[in-house]
Amino acid sequence: MGFSEDPIDPATFLEDVEMRIGEIAAAEPFPEARKDVYKLTVDFGDRTLQSAAGLTDVYDRAELLGNQVVAVVNLGTVTIAGFESECLVTGVDGDDGVVHLTTERDVPLGSRVY
């Protein structure tokens, strides 16, 4: 496996990209979307944001509730089929679909990822 992107300045990355730990508070179906995604409500402790996340291949809604996730919180809002997605829940491609990135153990909501 090769990496395809050029190296970047680590200080710039940490200044520009803000990733925080959130907890999935709600996961709802999103039949209006072109892709098979959930409407998520993610609790960051002092703030709650929405996300459209493609986790439907691996997770049913009930098993997502209460899971901590790593999310990018400063990308702005993207409107998808009338739904405002305010953060990007991160994931990786697994054998059966997207697997969300999470913490090894519970940490305080809103913790910054470095």
N, C-alpha and C. Protein backbone atom coordinates (compact mmCIF):
# COMPACT_ATOMS: atom_id res chain seq x y z
N MET A 1 0.85 -1.17 0.00
CA MET A 1 0.00 0.00 0.00
C MET A 1 0.89 1.23 0.00
N GLY A 2 0.69 2.07 -0.96
CA GLY A 2 1.45 3.31 -1.02
C GLY A 2 0.58 4.49 -0.62
N PHE A 3 1.21 5.51 -0.12
CA PHE A 3 0.50 6.74 0.22
C PHE A 3 0.60 7.67 -0.97
N SER A 4 -0.51 8.34 -1.29
CA SER A 4 -0.54 9.11 -2.52
C SER A 4 -0.42 10.62 -2.33
N GLU A 5 -0.54 11.11 -1.13
CA GLU A 5 -0.51 12.55 -0.91
C GLU A 5 0.88 13.02 -0.52
N ASP A 6 1.21 14.25 -0.92
CA ASP A 6 2.49 14.85 -0.55
C ASP A 6 2.48 15.18 0.94
N PRO A 7 3.65 15.17 1.59
CA PRO A 7 3.72 15.53 3.00
C PRO A 7 3.25 16.97 3.21
N ILE A 8 2.64 17.20 4.38
CA ILE A 8 2.21 18.55 4.75
C ILE A 8 2.89 18.93 6.06
N ASP A 9 2.83 20.20 6.39
CA ASP A 9 3.39 20.70 7.64
C ASP A 9 2.48 20.28 8.79
N PRO A 10 2.97 19.49 9.75
CA PRO A 10 2.11 19.04 10.86
C PRO A 10 1.48 20.18 11.63
N ALA A 11 2.19 21.27 11.83
CA ALA A 11 1.63 22.40 12.57
C ALA A 11 0.43 22.99 11.82
N THR A 12 0.52 23.08 10.52
CA THR A 12 -0.58 23.60 9.71
C THR A 12 -1.79 22.68 9.80
N PHE A 13 -1.57 21.38 9.72
CA PHE A 13 -2.67 20.42 9.82
C PHE A 13 -3.41 20.60 11.14
N LEU A 14 -2.68 20.65 12.24
CA LEU A 14 -3.31 20.76 13.55
C LEU A 14 -3.98 22.12 13.75
N GLU A 15 -3.51 23.14 13.07
CA GLU A 15 -4.15 24.45 13.15
C GLU A 15 -5.43 24.49 12.31
N ASP A 16 -5.42 23.83 11.17
CA ASP A 16 -6.53 23.92 10.22
C ASP A 16 -7.66 22.93 10.48
N VAL A 17 -7.32 21.70 10.86
CA VAL A 17 -8.32 20.65 11.01
C VAL A 17 -8.61 20.44 12.50
N GLU A 18 -9.87 20.64 12.88
CA GLU A 18 -10.25 20.43 14.28
C GLU A 18 -11.10 19.17 14.38
N MET A 19 -10.51 18.16 15.02
CA MET A 19 -11.21 16.90 15.25
C MET A 19 -11.53 16.79 16.74
N ARG A 20 -12.75 16.37 17.03
CA ARG A 20 -13.22 16.24 18.41
C ARG A 20 -13.90 14.89 18.60
N ILE A 21 -13.96 14.47 19.88
CA ILE A 21 -14.65 13.24 20.22
C ILE A 21 -16.10 13.57 20.55
N GLY A 22 -17.01 12.87 19.90
CA GLY A 22 -18.43 13.03 20.16
C GLY A 22 -19.06 11.68 20.43
N GLU A 23 -20.29 11.72 20.89
CA GLU A 23 -21.04 10.49 21.16
C GLU A 23 -22.32 10.52 20.33
N ILE A 24 -22.61 9.43 19.66
CA ILE A 24 -23.81 9.38 18.83
C ILE A 24 -25.04 9.32 19.75
N ALA A 25 -25.85 10.39 19.68
CA ALA A 25 -27.04 10.50 20.52
C ALA A 25 -28.29 10.02 19.78
N ALA A 26 -28.28 10.07 18.45
CA ALA A 26 -29.42 9.62 17.65
C ALA A 26 -28.93 9.20 16.28
N ALA A 27 -29.57 8.20 15.72
CA ALA A 27 -29.28 7.72 14.36
C ALA A 27 -30.62 7.44 13.68
N GLU A 28 -30.91 8.20 12.64
CA GLU A 28 -32.20 8.09 11.97
C GLU A 28 -32.01 7.70 10.52
N PRO A 29 -32.97 7.01 9.93
CA PRO A 29 -32.88 6.71 8.50
C PRO A 29 -32.90 8.00 7.68
N PHE A 30 -32.36 7.92 6.48
CA PHE A 30 -32.29 9.08 5.60
C PHE A 30 -32.64 8.66 4.17
N PRO A 31 -33.89 8.30 3.95
CA PRO A 31 -34.27 7.78 2.63
C PRO A 31 -34.18 8.81 1.50
N GLU A 32 -34.15 10.10 1.83
CA GLU A 32 -34.08 11.14 0.79
C GLU A 32 -32.69 11.26 0.17
N ALA A 33 -31.68 10.76 0.84
CA ALA A 33 -30.30 10.87 0.34
C ALA A 33 -30.09 9.91 -0.83
N ARG A 34 -29.20 10.29 -1.75
CA ARG A 34 -28.88 9.43 -2.89
C ARG A 34 -28.10 8.20 -2.46
N LYS A 35 -27.26 8.36 -1.43
CA LYS A 35 -26.49 7.24 -0.91
C LYS A 35 -27.17 6.72 0.36
N ASP A 36 -26.81 5.52 0.76
CA ASP A 36 -27.39 4.91 1.95
C ASP A 36 -26.65 5.41 3.18
N VAL A 37 -27.19 6.42 3.84
CA VAL A 37 -26.55 7.05 5.00
C VAL A 37 -27.58 7.22 6.12
N TYR A 38 -27.07 7.48 7.30
CA TYR A 38 -27.90 7.82 8.45
C TYR A 38 -27.81 9.32 8.72
N LYS A 39 -28.87 9.87 9.32
CA LYS A 39 -28.83 11.20 9.91
C LYS A 39 -28.41 10.99 11.36
N LEU A 40 -27.24 11.48 11.73
CA LEU A 40 -26.75 11.32 13.09
C LEU A 40 -26.85 12.63 13.85
N THR A 41 -27.12 12.52 15.14
CA THR A 41 -26.97 13.61 16.07
C THR A 41 -25.79 13.24 16.96
N VAL A 42 -24.76 14.11 16.99
CA VAL A 42 -23.53 13.81 17.71
C VAL A 42 -23.36 14.83 18.83
N ASP A 43 -23.23 14.32 20.05
CA ASP A 43 -23.09 15.16 21.25
C ASP A 43 -21.60 15.35 21.54
N PHE A 44 -21.16 16.61 21.59
CA PHE A 44 -19.77 16.93 21.88
C PHE A 44 -19.61 17.52 23.28
N GLY A 45 -20.60 17.32 24.14
CA GLY A 45 -20.53 17.84 25.51
C GLY A 45 -21.21 19.17 25.64
N ASP A 46 -20.60 20.22 25.09
CA ASP A 46 -21.18 21.56 25.19
C ASP A 46 -21.93 21.96 23.93
N ARG A 47 -21.96 21.05 22.97
CA ARG A 47 -22.56 21.37 21.67
C ARG A 47 -23.01 20.08 21.00
N THR A 48 -24.08 20.14 20.23
CA THR A 48 -24.57 18.99 19.47
C THR A 48 -24.59 19.37 18.00
N LEU A 49 -24.05 18.49 17.16
CA LEU A 49 -24.02 18.72 15.71
C LEU A 49 -24.66 17.54 15.00
N GLN A 50 -25.11 17.80 13.77
CA GLN A 50 -25.69 16.77 12.92
C GLN A 50 -24.66 16.31 11.90
N SER A 51 -24.81 15.05 11.46
CA SER A 51 -23.93 14.52 10.42
C SER A 51 -24.69 13.51 9.58
N ALA A 52 -24.43 13.53 8.27
CA ALA A 52 -24.92 12.48 7.39
C ALA A 52 -23.75 11.51 7.23
N ALA A 53 -23.93 10.29 7.72
CA ALA A 53 -22.80 9.35 7.77
C ALA A 53 -23.16 8.03 7.11
N GLY A 54 -22.26 7.57 6.25
CA GLY A 54 -22.44 6.32 5.53
C GLY A 54 -22.00 5.11 6.32
N LEU A 55 -22.70 4.80 7.38
CA LEU A 55 -22.34 3.68 8.24
C LEU A 55 -23.37 2.55 8.14
N THR A 56 -24.26 2.63 7.16
CA THR A 56 -25.40 1.71 7.11
C THR A 56 -25.01 0.29 6.74
N ASP A 57 -23.89 0.09 6.05
CA ASP A 57 -23.49 -1.27 5.65
C ASP A 57 -23.05 -2.10 6.84
N VAL A 58 -22.47 -1.49 7.84
CA VAL A 58 -21.86 -2.22 8.95
C VAL A 58 -22.70 -2.15 10.22
N TYR A 59 -23.41 -1.05 10.44
CA TYR A 59 -24.10 -0.81 11.72
C TYR A 59 -25.59 -0.65 11.51
N ASP A 60 -26.38 -1.25 12.42
CA ASP A 60 -27.77 -0.81 12.45
C ASP A 60 -27.86 0.30 13.48
N ARG A 61 -28.91 1.06 13.37
CA ARG A 61 -29.02 2.30 14.16
C ARG A 61 -28.85 2.07 15.65
N ALA A 62 -29.44 1.05 16.19
CA ALA A 62 -29.40 0.82 17.63
C ALA A 62 -27.98 0.61 18.14
N GLU A 63 -27.14 -0.06 17.37
CA GLU A 63 -25.78 -0.31 17.86
C GLU A 63 -24.87 0.91 17.76
N LEU A 64 -25.27 1.94 17.04
CA LEU A 64 -24.49 3.18 16.98
C LEU A 64 -24.70 4.06 18.21
N LEU A 65 -25.86 3.99 18.80
CA LEU A 65 -26.20 4.87 19.91
C LEU A 65 -25.23 4.70 21.08
N GLY A 66 -24.71 5.81 21.56
CA GLY A 66 -23.79 5.80 22.69
C GLY A 66 -22.34 5.58 22.31
N ASN A 67 -22.05 5.28 21.04
CA ASN A 67 -20.66 5.09 20.62
C ASN A 67 -19.94 6.42 20.48
N GLN A 68 -18.70 6.45 20.94
CA GLN A 68 -17.87 7.62 20.72
C GLN A 68 -17.28 7.56 19.31
N VAL A 69 -17.20 8.72 18.67
CA VAL A 69 -16.67 8.82 17.31
C VAL A 69 -15.68 9.97 17.22
N VAL A 70 -14.82 9.90 16.23
CA VAL A 70 -13.90 10.99 15.90
C VAL A 70 -14.55 11.76 14.76
N ALA A 71 -14.73 13.08 14.95
CA ALA A 71 -15.40 13.88 13.94
C ALA A 71 -14.63 15.17 13.68
N VAL A 72 -14.63 15.58 12.41
CA VAL A 72 -14.09 16.88 12.03
C VAL A 72 -15.24 17.87 12.20
N VAL A 73 -14.99 18.92 13.01
CA VAL A 73 -16.08 19.83 13.38
C VAL A 73 -15.97 21.22 12.75
N ASN A 74 -14.95 21.47 11.96
CA ASN A 74 -14.80 22.82 11.40
C ASN A 74 -14.78 22.85 9.87
N LEU A 75 -15.57 21.99 9.26
CA LEU A 75 -15.67 21.99 7.79
C LEU A 75 -16.80 22.86 7.27
N GLY A 76 -17.59 23.40 8.19
CA GLY A 76 -18.76 24.15 7.76
C GLY A 76 -19.93 23.21 7.56
N THR A 77 -21.03 23.76 7.08
CA THR A 77 -22.25 22.98 6.89
C THR A 77 -22.42 22.62 5.43
N VAL A 78 -22.79 21.36 5.19
CA VAL A 78 -23.09 20.87 3.84
C VAL A 78 -24.54 20.41 3.86
N THR A 79 -25.33 20.88 2.89
CA THR A 79 -26.73 20.48 2.82
C THR A 79 -26.87 19.29 1.89
N ILE A 80 -27.44 18.20 2.43
CA ILE A 80 -27.63 16.96 1.67
C ILE A 80 -29.12 16.64 1.71
N ALA A 81 -29.77 16.74 0.58
CA ALA A 81 -31.21 16.45 0.47
C ALA A 81 -32.00 17.18 1.56
N GLY A 82 -31.68 18.47 1.78
CA GLY A 82 -32.38 19.29 2.74
C GLY A 82 -31.91 19.14 4.18
N PHE A 83 -30.98 18.24 4.45
CA PHE A 83 -30.45 18.00 5.80
C PHE A 83 -29.11 18.70 5.92
N GLU A 84 -28.92 19.46 7.01
CA GLU A 84 -27.66 20.18 7.20
C GLU A 84 -26.68 19.32 7.98
N SER A 85 -25.65 18.85 7.29
CA SER A 85 -24.60 18.05 7.91
C SER A 85 -23.52 19.01 8.39
N GLU A 86 -23.32 19.06 9.72
CA GLU A 86 -22.46 20.06 10.34
C GLU A 86 -21.09 19.55 10.76
N CYS A 87 -20.89 18.24 10.69
CA CYS A 87 -19.58 17.67 11.03
C CYS A 87 -19.38 16.40 10.20
N LEU A 88 -18.14 15.97 10.12
CA LEU A 88 -17.80 14.77 9.36
C LEU A 88 -17.35 13.69 10.34
N VAL A 89 -18.17 12.66 10.50
CA VAL A 89 -17.80 11.51 11.32
C VAL A 89 -16.82 10.70 10.49
N THR A 90 -15.63 10.47 11.02
CA THR A 90 -14.58 9.81 10.25
C THR A 90 -14.75 8.29 10.27
N GLY A 91 -14.24 7.67 9.22
CA GLY A 91 -14.32 6.21 9.11
C GLY A 91 -13.30 5.71 8.11
N VAL A 92 -13.22 4.40 8.02
CA VAL A 92 -12.34 3.74 7.06
C VAL A 92 -13.14 2.67 6.35
N ASP A 93 -12.72 2.33 5.14
CA ASP A 93 -13.37 1.25 4.40
C ASP A 93 -12.97 -0.08 5.00
N GLY A 94 -13.97 -0.84 5.45
CA GLY A 94 -13.75 -2.19 5.94
C GLY A 94 -14.21 -3.19 4.90
N ASP A 95 -14.09 -4.45 5.19
CA ASP A 95 -14.49 -5.49 4.23
C ASP A 95 -15.97 -5.43 3.88
N ASP A 96 -16.82 -5.03 4.86
CA ASP A 96 -18.25 -5.00 4.58
C ASP A 96 -18.85 -3.60 4.57
N GLY A 97 -18.02 -2.56 4.59
CA GLY A 97 -18.54 -1.19 4.54
C GLY A 97 -17.69 -0.27 5.38
N VAL A 98 -18.20 0.94 5.60
CA VAL A 98 -17.46 1.95 6.35
C VAL A 98 -17.50 1.63 7.84
N VAL A 99 -16.33 1.65 8.48
CA VAL A 99 -16.20 1.42 9.91
C VAL A 99 -15.82 2.75 10.54
N HIS A 100 -16.60 3.20 11.54
CA HIS A 100 -16.30 4.51 12.13
C HIS A 100 -15.08 4.41 13.04
N LEU A 101 -14.33 5.52 13.10
CA LEU A 101 -13.19 5.60 13.99
C LEU A 101 -13.69 5.97 15.38
N THR A 102 -13.15 5.31 16.37
CA THR A 102 -13.60 5.51 17.74
C THR A 102 -12.41 5.53 18.67
N THR A 103 -12.67 5.67 19.95
CA THR A 103 -11.61 5.71 20.95
C THR A 103 -11.40 4.31 21.53
N GLU A 104 -10.24 4.09 22.08
CA GLU A 104 -9.93 2.82 22.73
C GLU A 104 -10.78 2.63 23.99
N ARG A 105 -11.00 3.72 24.70
CA ARG A 105 -11.88 3.73 25.88
C ARG A 105 -12.55 5.11 25.92
N ASP A 106 -13.59 5.22 26.72
CA ASP A 106 -14.33 6.48 26.77
C ASP A 106 -13.44 7.62 27.26
N VAL A 107 -13.58 8.75 26.61
CA VAL A 107 -12.88 9.97 26.99
C VAL A 107 -13.93 11.07 27.09
N PRO A 108 -13.60 12.21 27.72
CA PRO A 108 -14.58 13.29 27.84
C PRO A 108 -15.05 13.77 26.45
N LEU A 109 -16.36 13.97 26.34
CA LEU A 109 -16.92 14.48 25.08
C LEU A 109 -16.31 15.84 24.80
N GLY A 110 -16.05 16.08 23.52
CA GLY A 110 -15.45 17.34 23.10
C GLY A 110 -13.94 17.35 23.12
N SER A 111 -13.31 16.27 23.61
CA SER A 111 -11.84 16.20 23.63
C SER A 111 -11.29 16.40 22.23
N ARG A 112 -10.24 17.18 22.13
CA ARG A 112 -9.60 17.44 20.83
C ARG A 112 -8.68 16.29 20.47
N VAL A 113 -8.67 15.93 19.21
CA VAL A 113 -7.82 14.86 18.69
C VAL A 113 -6.56 15.49 18.13
N TYR A 114 -5.40 14.98 18.57
CA TYR A 114 -4.10 15.48 18.09
C TYR A 114 -3.32 14.36 17.49
